[in-house]
PDB file of N, CA and C in Angstrom:
ATOM      1  N   UNK A   1      12.430 -25.635 -15.517  1.00  0.00           N
ATOM      2  CA  UNK A   1      12.243 -24.383 -16.233  1.00  0.00           C
ATOM      3  C   UNK A   1      10.841 -24.310 -16.834  1.00  0.00           C
ATOM      4  N   UNK A   2      10.352 -25.461 -17.301  1.00  0.00           N
ATOM      5  CA  UNK A   2       9.015 -25.495 -17.893  1.00  0.00           C
ATOM      6  C   UNK A   2       7.961 -25.204 -16.824  1.00  0.00           C
ATOM      7  N   UNK A   3       8.167 -25.730 -15.606  1.00  0.00           N
ATOM      8  CA  UNK A   3       7.230 -25.483 -14.517  1.00  0.00           C
ATOM      9  C   UNK A   3       7.201 -24.003 -14.150  1.00  0.00           C
ATOM     10  N   UNK A   4       8.338 -23.362 -14.154  1.00  0.00           N
ATOM     11  CA  UNK A   4       8.408 -21.932 -13.848  1.00  0.00           C
ATOM     12  C   UNK A   4       7.651 -21.126 -14.889  1.00  0.00           C
ATOM     13  N   UNK A   5       7.752 -21.506 -16.139  1.00  0.00           N
ATOM     14  CA  UNK A   5       7.029 -20.834 -17.213  1.00  0.00           C
ATOM     15  C   UNK A   5       5.521 -20.993 -17.044  1.00  0.00           C
ATOM     16  N   UNK A   6       5.075 -22.164 -16.665  1.00  0.00           N
ATOM     17  CA  UNK A   6       3.646 -22.418 -16.461  1.00  0.00           C
ATOM     18  C   UNK A   6       3.132 -21.617 -15.268  1.00  0.00           C
ATOM     19  N   UNK A   7       3.894 -21.595 -14.188  1.00  0.00           N
ATOM     20  CA  UNK A   7       3.493 -20.843 -13.000  1.00  0.00           C
ATOM     21  C   UNK A   7       3.448 -19.356 -13.299  1.00  0.00           C
ATOM     22  N   UNK A   8       4.427 -18.830 -14.015  1.00  0.00           N
ATOM     23  CA  UNK A   8       4.447 -17.408 -14.362  1.00  0.00           C
ATOM     24  C   UNK A   8       3.261 -17.053 -15.250  1.00  0.00           C
ATOM     25  N   UNK A   9       2.900 -17.929 -16.168  1.00  0.00           N
ATOM     26  CA  UNK A   9       1.740 -17.683 -17.027  1.00  0.00           C
ATOM     27  C   UNK A   9       0.453 -17.676 -16.217  1.00  0.00           C
ATOM     28  N   UNK A  10       0.346 -18.594 -15.280  1.00  0.00           N
ATOM     29  CA  UNK A  10      -0.841 -18.680 -14.437  1.00  0.00           C
ATOM     30  C   UNK A  10      -0.984 -17.438 -13.566  1.00  0.00           C
ATOM     31  N   UNK A  11       0.098 -17.006 -12.943  1.00  0.00           N
ATOM     32  CA  UNK A  11       0.074 -15.804 -12.103  1.00  0.00           C
ATOM     33  C   UNK A  11      -0.251 -14.573 -12.946  1.00  0.00           C
ATOM     34  N   UNK A  12       0.314 -14.483 -14.123  1.00  0.00           N
ATOM     35  CA  UNK A  12       0.015 -13.356 -15.013  1.00  0.00           C
ATOM     36  C   UNK A  12      -1.444 -13.330 -15.427  1.00  0.00           C
ATOM     37  N   UNK A  13      -2.010 -14.495 -15.706  1.00  0.00           N
ATOM     38  CA  UNK A  13      -3.428 -14.556 -16.083  1.00  0.00           C
ATOM     39  C   UNK A  13      -4.314 -14.121 -14.935  1.00  0.00           C
ATOM     40  N   UNK A  14      -3.977 -14.506 -13.720  1.00  0.00           N
ATOM     41  CA  UNK A  14      -4.767 -14.100 -12.553  1.00  0.00           C
ATOM     42  C   UNK A  14      -4.686 -12.590 -12.358  1.00  0.00           C
ATOM     43  N   UNK A  15      -3.501 -12.019 -12.507  1.00  0.00           N
ATOM     44  CA  UNK A  15      -3.350 -10.577 -12.318  1.00  0.00           C
ATOM     45  C   UNK A  15      -4.121  -9.781 -13.364  1.00  0.00           C
ATOM     46  N   UNK A  16      -4.094 -10.221 -14.617  1.00  0.00           N
ATOM     47  CA  UNK A  16      -4.785  -9.483 -15.662  1.00  0.00           C
ATOM     48  C   UNK A  16      -6.296  -9.634 -15.580  1.00  0.00           C
ATOM     49  N   UNK A  17      -6.792 -10.774 -15.137  1.00  0.00           N
ATOM     50  CA  UNK A  17      -8.245 -10.949 -15.037  1.00  0.00           C
ATOM     51  C   UNK A  17      -8.808 -10.309 -13.792  1.00  0.00           C
ATOM     52  N   UNK A  18      -7.983 -10.096 -12.770  1.00  0.00           N
ATOM     53  CA  UNK A  18      -8.494  -9.468 -11.556  1.00  0.00           C
ATOM     54  C   UNK A  18      -8.603  -7.957 -11.704  1.00  0.00           C
ATOM     55  N   UNK A  19      -7.945  -7.368 -12.674  1.00  0.00           N
ATOM     56  CA  UNK A  19      -8.014  -5.931 -12.914  1.00  0.00           C
ATOM     57  C   UNK A  19      -9.140  -5.651 -13.907  1.00  0.00           C
ATOM     58  N   UNK A  20     -10.345  -5.594 -13.414  1.00  0.00           N
ATOM     59  CA  UNK A  20     -11.520  -5.413 -14.253  1.00  0.00           C
ATOM     60  C   UNK A  20     -11.929  -3.945 -14.248  1.00  0.00           C
ATOM     61  N   UNK A  21     -12.050  -3.336 -15.409  1.00  0.00           N
ATOM     62  CA  UNK A  21     -12.440  -1.931 -15.499  1.00  0.00           C
ATOM     63  C   UNK A  21     -13.952  -1.752 -15.467  1.00  0.00           C
ATOM     64  N   UNK A  22     -14.712  -2.820 -15.578  1.00  0.00           N
ATOM     65  CA  UNK A  22     -16.162  -2.738 -15.547  1.00  0.00           C
ATOM     66  C   UNK A  22     -16.603  -2.633 -14.099  1.00  0.00           C
ATOM     67  N   UNK A  23     -16.993  -1.442 -13.683  1.00  0.00           N
ATOM     68  CA  UNK A  23     -17.402  -1.207 -12.303  1.00  0.00           C
ATOM     69  C   UNK A  23     -18.916  -1.286 -12.230  1.00  0.00           C
ATOM     70  N   UNK A  24     -19.424  -2.308 -11.574  1.00  0.00           N
ATOM     71  CA  UNK A  24     -20.866  -2.527 -11.499  1.00  0.00           C
ATOM     72  C   UNK A  24     -21.496  -1.875 -10.279  1.00  0.00           C
ATOM     73  N   UNK A  25     -21.090  -0.661  -9.977  1.00  0.00           N
ATOM     74  CA  UNK A  25     -21.683   0.019  -8.832  1.00  0.00           C
ATOM     75  C   UNK A  25     -23.006   0.634  -9.228  1.00  0.00           C
ATOM     76  N   UNK A  26     -23.896   0.701  -8.278  1.00  0.00           N
ATOM     77  CA  UNK A  26     -25.211   1.290  -8.528  1.00  0.00           C
ATOM     78  C   UNK A  26     -25.152   2.773  -8.198  1.00  0.00           C
ATOM     79  N   UNK A  27     -25.788   3.584  -9.021  1.00  0.00           N
ATOM     80  CA  UNK A  27     -25.887   5.008  -8.745  1.00  0.00           C
ATOM     81  C   UNK A  27     -27.121   5.241  -7.890  1.00  0.00           C
ATOM     82  N   UNK A  28     -26.887   5.488  -6.615  1.00  0.00           N
ATOM     83  CA  UNK A  28     -27.997   5.724  -5.697  1.00  0.00           C
ATOM     84  C   UNK A  28     -27.894   7.149  -5.187  1.00  0.00           C
ATOM     85  N   UNK A  29     -28.913   7.935  -5.423  1.00  0.00           N
ATOM     86  CA  UNK A  29     -28.954   9.296  -4.938  1.00  0.00           C
ATOM     87  C   UNK A  29     -29.876   9.344  -3.735  1.00  0.00           C
ATOM     88  N   UNK A  30     -29.328   9.764  -2.608  1.00  0.00           N
ATOM     89  CA  UNK A  30     -30.121   9.860  -1.391  1.00  0.00           C
ATOM     90  C   UNK A  30     -30.395  11.325  -1.096  1.00  0.00           C
ATOM     91  N   UNK A  31     -31.629  11.623  -0.742  1.00  0.00           N
ATOM     92  CA  UNK A  31     -32.009  12.970  -0.357  1.00  0.00           C
ATOM     93  C   UNK A  31     -32.026  13.018   1.164  1.00  0.00           C
ATOM     94  N   UNK A  32     -30.884  13.322   1.773  1.00  0.00           N
ATOM     95  CA  UNK A  32     -30.751  13.349   3.226  1.00  0.00           C
ATOM     96  C   UNK A  32     -30.715  14.809   3.656  1.00  0.00           C
ATOM     97  N   UNK A  33     -31.765  15.241   4.362  1.00  0.00           N
ATOM     98  CA  UNK A  33     -31.863  16.635   4.812  1.00  0.00           C
ATOM     99  C   UNK A  33     -31.658  16.756   6.313  1.00  0.00           C
ATOM    100  N   UNK A  34     -30.893  15.855   6.905  1.00  0.00           N
ATOM    101  CA  UNK A  34     -30.645  15.860   8.338  1.00  0.00           C
ATOM    102  C   UNK A  34     -29.220  15.383   8.580  1.00  0.00           C
ATOM    103  N   UNK A  35     -28.685  15.713   9.769  1.00  0.00           N
ATOM    104  CA  UNK A  35     -27.341  15.205  10.077  1.00  0.00           C
ATOM    105  C   UNK A  35     -27.364  13.675  10.120  1.00  0.00           C
ATOM    106  N   UNK A  36     -26.474  13.068   9.409  1.00  0.00           N
ATOM    107  CA  UNK A  36     -26.486  11.615   9.311  1.00  0.00           C
ATOM    108  C   UNK A  36     -25.073  11.070   9.384  1.00  0.00           C
ATOM    109  N   UNK A  37     -24.995   9.797   9.737  1.00  0.00           N
ATOM    110  CA  UNK A  37     -23.719   9.083   9.773  1.00  0.00           C
ATOM    111  C   UNK A  37     -23.793   7.935   8.782  1.00  0.00           C
ATOM    112  N   UNK A  38     -22.773   7.803   7.983  1.00  0.00           N
ATOM    113  CA  UNK A  38     -22.677   6.696   7.028  1.00  0.00           C
ATOM    114  C   UNK A  38     -21.722   5.656   7.608  1.00  0.00           C
ATOM    115  N   UNK A  39     -22.194   4.426   7.704  1.00  0.00           N
ATOM    116  CA  UNK A  39     -21.386   3.349   8.252  1.00  0.00           C
ATOM    117  C   UNK A  39     -21.140   2.329   7.152  1.00  0.00           C
ATOM    118  N   UNK A  40     -19.874   2.044   6.888  1.00  0.00           N
ATOM    119  CA  UNK A  40     -19.504   1.081   5.854  1.00  0.00           C
ATOM    120  C   UNK A  40     -19.361  -0.287   6.511  1.00  0.00           C
ATOM    121  N   UNK A  41     -20.146  -1.243   6.014  1.00  0.00           N
ATOM    122  CA  UNK A  41     -20.096  -2.615   6.505  1.00  0.00           C
ATOM    123  C   UNK A  41     -19.221  -3.415   5.560  1.00  0.00           C
ATOM    124  N   UNK A  42     -17.974  -3.628   5.953  1.00  0.00           N
ATOM    125  CA  UNK A  42     -16.986  -4.256   5.079  1.00  0.00           C
ATOM    126  C   UNK A  42     -17.302  -5.686   4.705  1.00  0.00           C
ATOM    127  N   UNK A  43     -17.801  -6.479   5.658  1.00  0.00           N
ATOM    128  CA  UNK A  43     -18.079  -7.883   5.353  1.00  0.00           C
ATOM    129  C   UNK A  43     -19.244  -8.042   4.396  1.00  0.00           C
ATOM    130  N   UNK A  44     -20.256  -7.192   4.533  1.00  0.00           N
ATOM    131  CA  UNK A  44     -21.447  -7.296   3.682  1.00  0.00           C
ATOM    132  C   UNK A  44     -21.355  -6.460   2.429  1.00  0.00           C
ATOM    133  N   UNK A  45     -20.372  -5.594   2.331  1.00  0.00           N
ATOM    134  CA  UNK A  45     -20.216  -4.677   1.206  1.00  0.00           C
ATOM    135  C   UNK A  45     -21.445  -3.801   1.049  1.00  0.00           C
ATOM    136  N   UNK A  46     -21.938  -3.271   2.196  1.00  0.00           N
ATOM    137  CA  UNK A  46     -23.089  -2.370   2.203  1.00  0.00           C
ATOM    138  C   UNK A  46     -22.746  -1.112   2.969  1.00  0.00           C
ATOM    139  N   UNK A  47     -23.622  -0.114   2.846  1.00  0.00           N
ATOM    140  CA  UNK A  47     -23.486   1.129   3.585  1.00  0.00           C
ATOM    141  C   UNK A  47     -24.785   1.368   4.341  1.00  0.00           C
ATOM    142  N   UNK A  48     -24.677   1.674   5.641  1.00  0.00           N
ATOM    143  CA  UNK A  48     -25.848   1.976   6.455  1.00  0.00           C
ATOM    144  C   UNK A  48     -25.894   3.474   6.722  1.00  0.00           C
ATOM    145  N   UNK A  49     -27.094   4.008   6.791  1.00  0.00           N
ATOM    146  CA  UNK A  49     -27.309   5.418   7.048  1.00  0.00           C
ATOM    147  C   UNK A  49     -28.021   5.552   8.372  1.00  0.00           C
ATOM    148  N   UNK A  50     -27.398   6.254   9.342  1.00  0.00           N
ATOM    149  CA  UNK A  50     -28.001   6.439  10.644  1.00  0.00           C
ATOM    150  C   UNK A  50     -28.409   7.883  10.824  1.00  0.00           C
ATOM    151  N   UNK A  51     -29.588   8.072  11.386  1.00  0.00           N
ATOM    152  CA  UNK A  51     -30.114   9.402  11.683  1.00  0.00           C
ATOM    153  C   UNK A  51     -29.595   9.841  13.035  1.00  0.00           C
TER     154      UNK A  51
END
């Protein structure tokens, strides 16, 4: 029973620390005056812009 309590506390701590409200995204304004395609690179966490 003690082990279950420790495991539940550990899982709860992981869940609460993974829900972070601080979003560190950069505000980037692009002036695109042409038809463009935005490609999301999931592994690199970047976005590419193709003309």
